[in-house]
């Protein structure tokens, strides 16, 4: 019947029955303690492996990877003014919409009428932020006219304040970074320093030193996985 001892065990003396119960209890506890000790040993082994200092390499390049060594391209759409009737209205396009959004954001009065004048032009602006650049560092800025532009000549034009951002195409959408460079200044067209009669030389140019870096780019070294240890990091930093 459930809840009763077996008859053979029931006939044993009470002292012997208690002894058997204690042995069974000790055996079950011993199994549990053995498992816990094994887990602790494994944990100690893992900790010792983590705390073990790797052997130092012969050269720094074997243990670290440089970070921030790439050149970042930044782009924007801008307006040029002060042209001597050689500008022209910009046709509806994504570039125009982008520029209008920027002008409205900066409270430029009557932006549509401004872009229809013959002394203004819509242009594309590009610059390259080098590794280790610091805030305020000057950059040369490249100016180009978009396809099918009505602009005849950018000579004598002034690039209005332009905010340049790093742009990437992700999942069919253009993602933009924070403002990395602000550009402005007089435009030097290619026709001013390149020989030839090609009209394309008149609608391309540069603003020398017209860009100003807005985001500091830090250089660094990243430890390779097999050398990631605090003592190794301190030793490499000292080296």
C-alpha atoms as a PDB file:
ATOM      1  CA  UNK A   1       0.000   0.000   0.000  1.00  0.00           C
ATOM      2  CA  UNK A   2       1.277   3.486  -0.883  1.00  0.00           C
ATOM      3  CA  UNK A   3       2.950   5.283   2.028  1.00  0.00           C
ATOM      4  CA  UNK A   4       4.007   2.115   3.899  1.00  0.00           C
ATOM      5  CA  UNK A   5       7.496   0.577   4.227  1.00  0.00           C
ATOM      6  CA  UNK A   6       8.179  -2.779   2.578  1.00  0.00           C
ATOM      7  CA  UNK A   7       7.594  -5.618   5.002  1.00  0.00           C
ATOM      8  CA  UNK A   8      11.228  -6.758   4.892  1.00  0.00           C
ATOM      9  CA  UNK A   9      12.435  -3.282   5.849  1.00  0.00           C
ATOM     10  CA  UNK A  10       9.688  -2.907   8.393  1.00  0.00           C
ATOM     11  CA  UNK A  11      10.942  -5.931  10.353  1.00  0.00           C
ATOM     12  CA  UNK A  12      14.431  -4.441  10.733  1.00  0.00           C
ATOM     13  CA  UNK A  13      15.373  -2.834  14.037  1.00  0.00           C
ATOM     14  CA  UNK A  14      14.677   0.897  14.213  1.00  0.00           C
ATOM     15  CA  UNK A  15      18.378   1.687  14.620  1.00  0.00           C
ATOM     16  CA  UNK A  16      19.336  -0.213  11.461  1.00  0.00           C
ATOM     17  CA  UNK A  17      16.518   1.413   9.496  1.00  0.00           C
ATOM     18  CA  UNK A  18      17.755   4.861  10.496  1.00  0.00           C
ATOM     19  CA  UNK A  19      21.292   3.913   9.456  1.00  0.00           C
ATOM     20  CA  UNK A  20      20.148   2.888   5.969  1.00  0.00           C
ATOM     21  CA  UNK A  21      18.199   6.131   5.587  1.00  0.00           C
ATOM     22  CA  UNK A  22      21.282   8.167   6.567  1.00  0.00           C
ATOM     23  CA  UNK A  23      23.451   6.276   4.059  1.00  0.00           C
ATOM     24  CA  UNK A  24      20.968   6.905   1.243  1.00  0.00           C
ATOM     25  CA  UNK A  25      20.766  10.587   2.160  1.00  0.00           C
ATOM     26  CA  UNK A  26      24.539  10.933   2.278  1.00  0.00           C
ATOM     27  CA  UNK A  27      24.892   9.236  -1.105  1.00  0.00           C
ATOM     28  CA  UNK A  28      22.393  11.606  -2.735  1.00  0.00           C
ATOM     29  CA  UNK A  29      24.110  14.632  -1.199  1.00  0.00           C
ATOM     30  CA  UNK A  30      27.468  13.310  -2.295  1.00  0.00           C
ATOM     31  CA  UNK A  31      26.327  13.201  -5.931  1.00  0.00           C
ATOM     32  CA  UNK A  32      25.092  16.777  -5.689  1.00  0.00           C
ATOM     33  CA  UNK A  33      28.315  17.959  -4.069  1.00  0.00           C
ATOM     34  CA  UNK A  34      30.387  16.137  -6.683  1.00  0.00           C
ATOM     35  CA  UNK A  35      28.517  17.895  -9.474  1.00  0.00           C
ATOM     36  CA  UNK A  36      28.950  21.309  -7.814  1.00  0.00           C
ATOM     37  CA  UNK A  37      32.659  20.761  -7.255  1.00  0.00           C
ATOM     38  CA  UNK A  38      33.072  19.783 -10.898  1.00  0.00           C
ATOM     39  CA  UNK A  39      31.288  22.966 -12.018  1.00  0.00           C
ATOM     40  CA  UNK A  40      33.509  25.039  -9.761  1.00  0.00           C
ATOM     41  CA  UNK A  41      36.622  23.376 -11.191  1.00  0.00           C
ATOM     42  CA  UNK A  42      35.456  24.107 -14.741  1.00  0.00           C
ATOM     43  CA  UNK A  43      34.717  27.709 -13.799  1.00  0.00           C
ATOM     44  CA  UNK A  44      38.146  28.103 -12.201  1.00  0.00           C
ATOM     45  CA  UNK A  45      39.762  26.687 -15.327  1.00  0.00           C
ATOM     46  CA  UNK A  46      37.913  29.141 -17.534  1.00  0.00           C
ATOM     47  CA  UNK A  47      38.870  32.050 -15.278  1.00  0.00           C
ATOM     48  CA  UNK A  48      42.519  31.014 -15.333  1.00  0.00           C
ATOM     49  CA  UNK A  49      42.413  30.884 -19.130  1.00  0.00           C
ATOM     50  CA  UNK A  50      40.911  34.362 -19.256  1.00  0.00           C
ATOM     51  CA  UNK A  51      43.465  35.787 -16.836  1.00  0.00           C
ATOM     52  CA  UNK A  52      46.440  34.203 -18.606  1.00  0.00           C
ATOM     53  CA  UNK A  53      48.628  36.867 -20.219  1.00  0.00           C
ATOM     54  CA  UNK A  54      49.372  35.989 -23.872  1.00  0.00           C
ATOM     55  CA  UNK A  55      52.947  35.946 -25.074  1.00  0.00           C
ATOM     56  CA  UNK A  56      53.920  39.361 -26.487  1.00  0.00           C
ATOM     57  CA  UNK A  57      54.388  39.595 -30.274  1.00  0.00           C
ATOM     58  CA  UNK A  58      57.602  40.634 -31.976  1.00  0.00           C
ATOM     59  CA  UNK A  59      55.881  43.523 -33.802  1.00  0.00           C
ATOM     60  CA  UNK A  60      52.939  45.731 -32.846  1.00  0.00           C
ATOM     61  CA  UNK A  61      51.186  45.038 -36.135  1.00  0.00           C
ATOM     62  CA  UNK A  62      50.896  41.382 -35.145  1.00  0.00           C
ATOM     63  CA  UNK A  63      48.710  42.269 -32.147  1.00  0.00           C
ATOM     64  CA  UNK A  64      46.717  45.325 -33.245  1.00  0.00           C
ATOM     65  CA  UNK A  65      44.667  46.634 -36.154  1.00  0.00           C
ATOM     66  CA  UNK A  66      44.613  50.393 -36.909  1.00  0.00           C
ATOM     67  CA  UNK A  67      41.271  52.167 -36.643  1.00  0.00           C
ATOM     68  CA  UNK A  68      40.162  55.357 -38.382  1.00  0.00           C
ATOM     69  CA  UNK A  69      42.660  55.195 -41.254  1.00  0.00           C
ATOM     70  CA  UNK A  70      40.093  55.461 -44.047  1.00  0.00           C
ATOM     71  CA  UNK A  71      39.219  58.633 -45.954  1.00  0.00           C
ATOM     72  CA  UNK A  72      35.547  59.645 -45.628  1.00  0.00           C
ATOM     73  CA  UNK A  73      33.751  61.159 -48.600  1.00  0.00           C
ATOM     74  CA  UNK A  74      31.170  63.835 -47.730  1.00  0.00           C
ATOM     75  CA  UNK A  75      28.626  65.291 -50.144  1.00  0.00           C
ATOM     76  CA  UNK A  76      25.981  67.962 -50.345  1.00  0.00           C
ATOM     77  CA  UNK A  77      23.863  70.103 -52.659  1.00  0.00           C
ATOM     78  CA  UNK A  78      24.486  73.839 -52.627  1.00  0.00           C
ATOM     79  CA  UNK A  79      23.659  77.169 -54.213  1.00  0.00           C
ATOM     80  CA  UNK A  80      26.110  79.516 -55.902  1.00  0.00           C
ATOM     81  CA  UNK A  81      25.402  83.235 -56.302  1.00  0.00           C
ATOM     82  CA  UNK A  82      27.176  86.360 -57.633  1.00  0.00           C
ATOM     83  CA  UNK A  83      27.310  84.988 -61.191  1.00  0.00           C
ATOM     84  CA  UNK A  84      27.327  87.477 -64.066  1.00  0.00           C
ATOM     85  CA  UNK A  85      24.213  86.157 -65.805  1.00  0.00           C
ATOM     86  CA  UNK A  86      25.834  82.780 -66.478  1.00  0.00           C
ATOM     87  CA  UNK A  87      23.718  80.851 -64.003  1.00  0.00           C
ATOM     88  CA  UNK A  88      20.227  79.627 -64.640  1.00  0.00           C
ATOM     89  CA  UNK A  89      17.133  78.081 -63.102  1.00  0.00           C
ATOM     90  CA  UNK A  90      17.439  74.512 -61.809  1.00  0.00           C
ATOM     91  CA  UNK A  91      14.893  72.072 -63.184  1.00  0.00           C
ATOM     92  CA  UNK A  92      12.776  69.965 -60.795  1.00  0.00           C
ATOM     93  CA  UNK A  93      14.843  67.061 -59.468  1.00  0.00           C
ATOM     94  CA  UNK A  94      15.871  65.270 -56.324  1.00  0.00           C
ATOM     95  CA  UNK A  95      18.831  67.646 -56.021  1.00  0.00           C
ATOM     96  CA  UNK A  96      16.547  70.679 -56.113  1.00  0.00           C
ATOM     97  CA  UNK A  97      14.229  69.134 -53.507  1.00  0.00           C
ATOM     98  CA  UNK A  98      17.200  68.408 -51.263  1.00  0.00           C
ATOM     99  CA  UNK A  99      18.504  71.947 -51.577  1.00  0.00           C
ATOM    100  CA  UNK A 100      15.065  73.447 -50.932  1.00  0.00           C
ATOM    101  CA  UNK A 101      14.733  71.375 -47.756  1.00  0.00           C
ATOM    102  CA  UNK A 102      18.125  72.635 -46.607  1.00  0.00           C
ATOM    103  CA  UNK A 103      17.249  76.259 -47.406  1.00  0.00           C
ATOM    104  CA  UNK A 104      13.881  76.032 -45.658  1.00  0.00           C
ATOM    105  CA  UNK A 105      15.560  74.455 -42.640  1.00  0.00           C
ATOM    106  CA  UNK A 106      17.886  77.464 -42.457  1.00  0.00           C
ATOM    107  CA  UNK A 107      15.049  79.989 -42.987  1.00  0.00           C
ATOM    108  CA  UNK A 108      16.238  81.271 -46.371  1.00  0.00           C
ATOM    109  CA  UNK A 109      13.528  83.666 -47.672  1.00  0.00           C
ATOM    110  CA  UNK A 110      11.821  82.737 -50.995  1.00  0.00           C
ATOM    111  CA  UNK A 111      14.104  79.822 -51.880  1.00  0.00           C
ATOM    112  CA  UNK A 112      12.194  78.910 -55.066  1.00  0.00           C
ATOM    113  CA  UNK A 113      12.526  82.411 -56.495  1.00  0.00           C
ATOM    114  CA  UNK A 114      16.202  82.446 -55.530  1.00  0.00           C
ATOM    115  CA  UNK A 115      16.913  79.301 -57.545  1.00  0.00           C
ATOM    116  CA  UNK A 116      15.164  80.721 -60.647  1.00  0.00           C
ATOM    117  CA  UNK A 117      17.531  83.676 -61.070  1.00  0.00           C
ATOM    118  CA  UNK A 118      20.260  83.766 -63.739  1.00  0.00           C
ATOM    119  CA  UNK A 119      22.918  84.882 -61.261  1.00  0.00           C
ATOM    120  CA  UNK A 120      22.525  81.719 -59.165  1.00  0.00           C
ATOM    121  CA  UNK A 121      23.198  78.037 -59.791  1.00  0.00           C
ATOM    122  CA  UNK A 122      22.568  74.687 -58.135  1.00  0.00           C
ATOM    123  CA  UNK A 123      25.764  72.663 -57.754  1.00  0.00           C
ATOM    124  CA  UNK A 124      26.977  69.407 -56.216  1.00  0.00           C
ATOM    125  CA  UNK A 125      29.678  69.681 -53.570  1.00  0.00           C
ATOM    126  CA  UNK A 126      32.135  67.000 -52.464  1.00  0.00           C
ATOM    127  CA  UNK A 127      35.067  66.827 -50.064  1.00  0.00           C
ATOM    128  CA  UNK A 128      37.227  64.138 -48.457  1.00  0.00           C
ATOM    129  CA  UNK A 129      37.888  64.116 -44.717  1.00  0.00           C
ATOM    130  CA  UNK A 130      41.324  62.535 -44.071  1.00  0.00           C
ATOM    131  CA  UNK A 131      42.292  60.296 -41.142  1.00  0.00           C
ATOM    132  CA  UNK A 132      43.116  62.171 -37.951  1.00  0.00           C
ATOM    133  CA  UNK A 133      41.320  65.353 -39.065  1.00  0.00           C
ATOM    134  CA  UNK A 134      40.545  67.802 -36.263  1.00  0.00           C
ATOM    135  CA  UNK A 135      37.693  70.232 -35.926  1.00  0.00           C
ATOM    136  CA  UNK A 136      38.415  73.385 -37.913  1.00  0.00           C
ATOM    137  CA  UNK A 137      40.923  71.815 -40.306  1.00  0.00           C
ATOM    138  CA  UNK A 138      40.571  73.273 -43.837  1.00  0.00           C
ATOM    139  CA  UNK A 139      39.668  71.116 -46.841  1.00  0.00           C
ATOM    140  CA  UNK A 140      39.566  71.711 -50.572  1.00  0.00           C
ATOM    141  CA  UNK A 141      36.039  71.327 -51.940  1.00  0.00           C
ATOM    142  CA  UNK A 142      35.104  70.057 -55.387  1.00  0.00           C
ATOM    143  CA  UNK A 143      32.233  71.721 -57.271  1.00  0.00           C
ATOM    144  CA  UNK A 144      30.325  70.140 -60.184  1.00  0.00           C
ATOM    145  CA  UNK A 145      27.108  70.958 -61.998  1.00  0.00           C
ATOM    146  CA  UNK A 146      24.436  68.247 -62.091  1.00  0.00           C
ATOM    147  CA  UNK A 147      23.529  66.570 -65.390  1.00  0.00           C
ATOM    148  CA  UNK A 148      21.468  68.678 -67.838  1.00  0.00           C
ATOM    149  CA  UNK A 149      22.265  71.853 -65.910  1.00  0.00           C
ATOM    150  CA  UNK A 150      21.483  75.180 -67.599  1.00  0.00           C
ATOM    151  CA  UNK A 151      24.486  76.869 -66.003  1.00  0.00           C
ATOM    152  CA  UNK A 152      26.996  78.227 -68.530  1.00  0.00           C
ATOM    153  CA  UNK A 153      29.893  79.347 -66.342  1.00  0.00           C
ATOM    154  CA  UNK A 154      30.645  79.288 -62.602  1.00  0.00           C
ATOM    155  CA  UNK A 155      33.502  81.780 -62.898  1.00  0.00           C
ATOM    156  CA  UNK A 156      33.251  84.499 -60.251  1.00  0.00           C
ATOM    157  CA  UNK A 157      30.601  82.610 -58.270  1.00  0.00           C
ATOM    158  CA  UNK A 158      30.485  82.292 -54.499  1.00  0.00           C
ATOM    159  CA  UNK A 159      29.544  79.007 -52.863  1.00  0.00           C
ATOM    160  CA  UNK A 160      27.009  79.681 -50.118  1.00  0.00           C
ATOM    161  CA  UNK A 161      27.267  77.860 -46.781  1.00  0.00           C
ATOM    162  CA  UNK A 162      26.916  74.146 -47.473  1.00  0.00           C
ATOM    163  CA  UNK A 163      26.621  71.280 -45.013  1.00  0.00           C
ATOM    164  CA  UNK A 164      28.331  68.098 -46.164  1.00  0.00           C
ATOM    165  CA  UNK A 165      27.517  64.654 -44.797  1.00  0.00           C
ATOM    166  CA  UNK A 166      28.677  61.116 -45.375  1.00  0.00           C
ATOM    167  CA  UNK A 167      25.989  59.285 -47.353  1.00  0.00           C
ATOM    168  CA  UNK A 168      25.395  55.576 -47.903  1.00  0.00           C
ATOM    169  CA  UNK A 169      22.710  53.575 -49.688  1.00  0.00           C
ATOM    170  CA  UNK A 170      21.212  51.056 -47.268  1.00  0.00           C
ATOM    171  CA  UNK A 171      18.102  49.022 -48.056  1.00  0.00           C
ATOM    172  CA  UNK A 172      17.127  51.228 -51.012  1.00  0.00           C
ATOM    173  CA  UNK A 173      17.310  54.376 -48.882  1.00  0.00           C
ATOM    174  CA  UNK A 174      20.048  56.983 -48.513  1.00  0.00           C
ATOM    175  CA  UNK A 175      21.312  57.266 -44.944  1.00  0.00           C
ATOM    176  CA  UNK A 176      23.162  60.420 -43.918  1.00  0.00           C
ATOM    177  CA  UNK A 177      25.598  61.058 -41.116  1.00  0.00           C
ATOM    178  CA  UNK A 178      25.832  64.159 -38.995  1.00  0.00           C
ATOM    179  CA  UNK A 179      27.327  67.278 -40.579  1.00  0.00           C
ATOM    180  CA  UNK A 180      31.030  66.542 -41.004  1.00  0.00           C
ATOM    181  CA  UNK A 181      32.105  69.567 -43.057  1.00  0.00           C
ATOM    182  CA  UNK A 182      30.809  73.082 -43.763  1.00  0.00           C
ATOM    183  CA  UNK A 183      31.978  74.692 -47.015  1.00  0.00           C
ATOM    184  CA  UNK A 184      31.834  78.209 -48.467  1.00  0.00           C
ATOM    185  CA  UNK A 185      33.979  80.544 -50.547  1.00  0.00           C
ATOM    186  CA  UNK A 186      34.899  81.717 -54.063  1.00  0.00           C
ATOM    187  CA  UNK A 187      34.902  79.161 -56.872  1.00  0.00           C
ATOM    188  CA  UNK A 188      37.967  78.590 -59.032  1.00  0.00           C
ATOM    189  CA  UNK A 189      36.729  76.940 -62.226  1.00  0.00           C
ATOM    190  CA  UNK A 190      38.795  74.420 -64.169  1.00  0.00           C
ATOM    191  CA  UNK A 191      38.840  76.785 -67.143  1.00  0.00           C
ATOM    192  CA  UNK A 192      40.993  79.138 -65.048  1.00  0.00           C
ATOM    193  CA  UNK A 193      43.873  76.682 -64.846  1.00  0.00           C
ATOM    194  CA  UNK A 194      43.260  73.991 -67.508  1.00  0.00           C
ATOM    195  CA  UNK A 195      43.919  74.471 -71.214  1.00  0.00           C
ATOM    196  CA  UNK A 196      41.127  73.730 -73.658  1.00  0.00           C
ATOM    197  CA  UNK A 197      37.872  75.065 -75.023  1.00  0.00           C
ATOM    198  CA  UNK A 198      35.587  72.447 -73.508  1.00  0.00           C
ATOM    199  CA  UNK A 199      32.545  74.116 -71.944  1.00  0.00           C
ATOM    200  CA  UNK A 200      32.545  71.472 -69.208  1.00  0.00           C
ATOM    201  CA  UNK A 201      35.639  73.166 -67.753  1.00  0.00           C
ATOM    202  CA  UNK A 202      33.515  76.227 -66.987  1.00  0.00           C
ATOM    203  CA  UNK A 203      30.929  74.419 -64.856  1.00  0.00           C
ATOM    204  CA  UNK A 204      33.367  72.519 -62.652  1.00  0.00           C
ATOM    205  CA  UNK A 205      35.801  73.871 -60.109  1.00  0.00           C
ATOM    206  CA  UNK A 206      37.090  73.980 -56.571  1.00  0.00           C
ATOM    207  CA  UNK A 207      36.949  76.100 -53.463  1.00  0.00           C
ATOM    208  CA  UNK A 208      40.495  75.961 -52.156  1.00  0.00           C
ATOM    209  CA  UNK A 209      40.511  75.559 -48.385  1.00  0.00           C
ATOM    210  CA  UNK A 210      36.796  76.364 -48.360  1.00  0.00           C
ATOM    211  CA  UNK A 211      35.779  73.373 -46.255  1.00  0.00           C
ATOM    212  CA  UNK A 212      35.970  73.282 -42.469  1.00  0.00           C
ATOM    213  CA  UNK A 213      35.953  69.955 -40.622  1.00  0.00           C
ATOM    214  CA  UNK A 214      33.233  69.766 -37.958  1.00  0.00           C
ATOM    215  CA  UNK A 215      33.828  66.301 -36.488  1.00  0.00           C
ATOM    216  CA  UNK A 216      37.147  65.196 -35.047  1.00  0.00           C
ATOM    217  CA  UNK A 217      38.379  61.889 -36.411  1.00  0.00           C
ATOM    218  CA  UNK A 218      40.299  59.866 -33.849  1.00  0.00           C
ATOM    219  CA  UNK A 219      42.984  57.351 -34.682  1.00  0.00           C
ATOM    220  CA  UNK A 220      43.344  54.210 -32.619  1.00  0.00           C
ATOM    221  CA  UNK A 221      44.535  50.623 -32.388  1.00  0.00           C
ATOM    222  CA  UNK A 222      42.249  47.635 -31.802  1.00  0.00           C
ATOM    223  CA  UNK A 223      43.650  44.517 -30.131  1.00  0.00           C
ATOM    224  CA  UNK A 224      43.245  41.279 -32.025  1.00  0.00           C
ATOM    225  CA  UNK A 225      41.111  38.693 -30.131  1.00  0.00           C
ATOM    226  CA  UNK A 226      44.079  36.517 -29.116  1.00  0.00           C
ATOM    227  CA  UNK A 227      45.793  39.530 -27.479  1.00  0.00           C
ATOM    228  CA  UNK A 228      42.816  41.081 -25.679  1.00  0.00           C
ATOM    229  CA  UNK A 229      44.126  41.299 -22.121  1.00  0.00           C
ATOM    230  CA  UNK A 230      44.471  44.312 -19.847  1.00  0.00           C
ATOM    231  CA  UNK A 231      48.202  43.762 -19.249  1.00  0.00           C
ATOM    232  CA  UNK A 232      48.842  43.298 -22.953  1.00  0.00           C
ATOM    233  CA  UNK A 233      46.860  46.458 -23.690  1.00  0.00           C
ATOM    234  CA  UNK A 234      48.947  48.444 -21.184  1.00  0.00           C
ATOM    235  CA  UNK A 235      52.208  47.062 -22.579  1.00  0.00           C
ATOM    236  CA  UNK A 236      51.261  47.878 -26.173  1.00  0.00           C
ATOM    237  CA  UNK A 237      50.091  51.360 -25.190  1.00  0.00           C
ATOM    238  CA  UNK A 238      53.445  52.019 -23.589  1.00  0.00           C
ATOM    239  CA  UNK A 239      55.258  50.765 -26.678  1.00  0.00           C
END
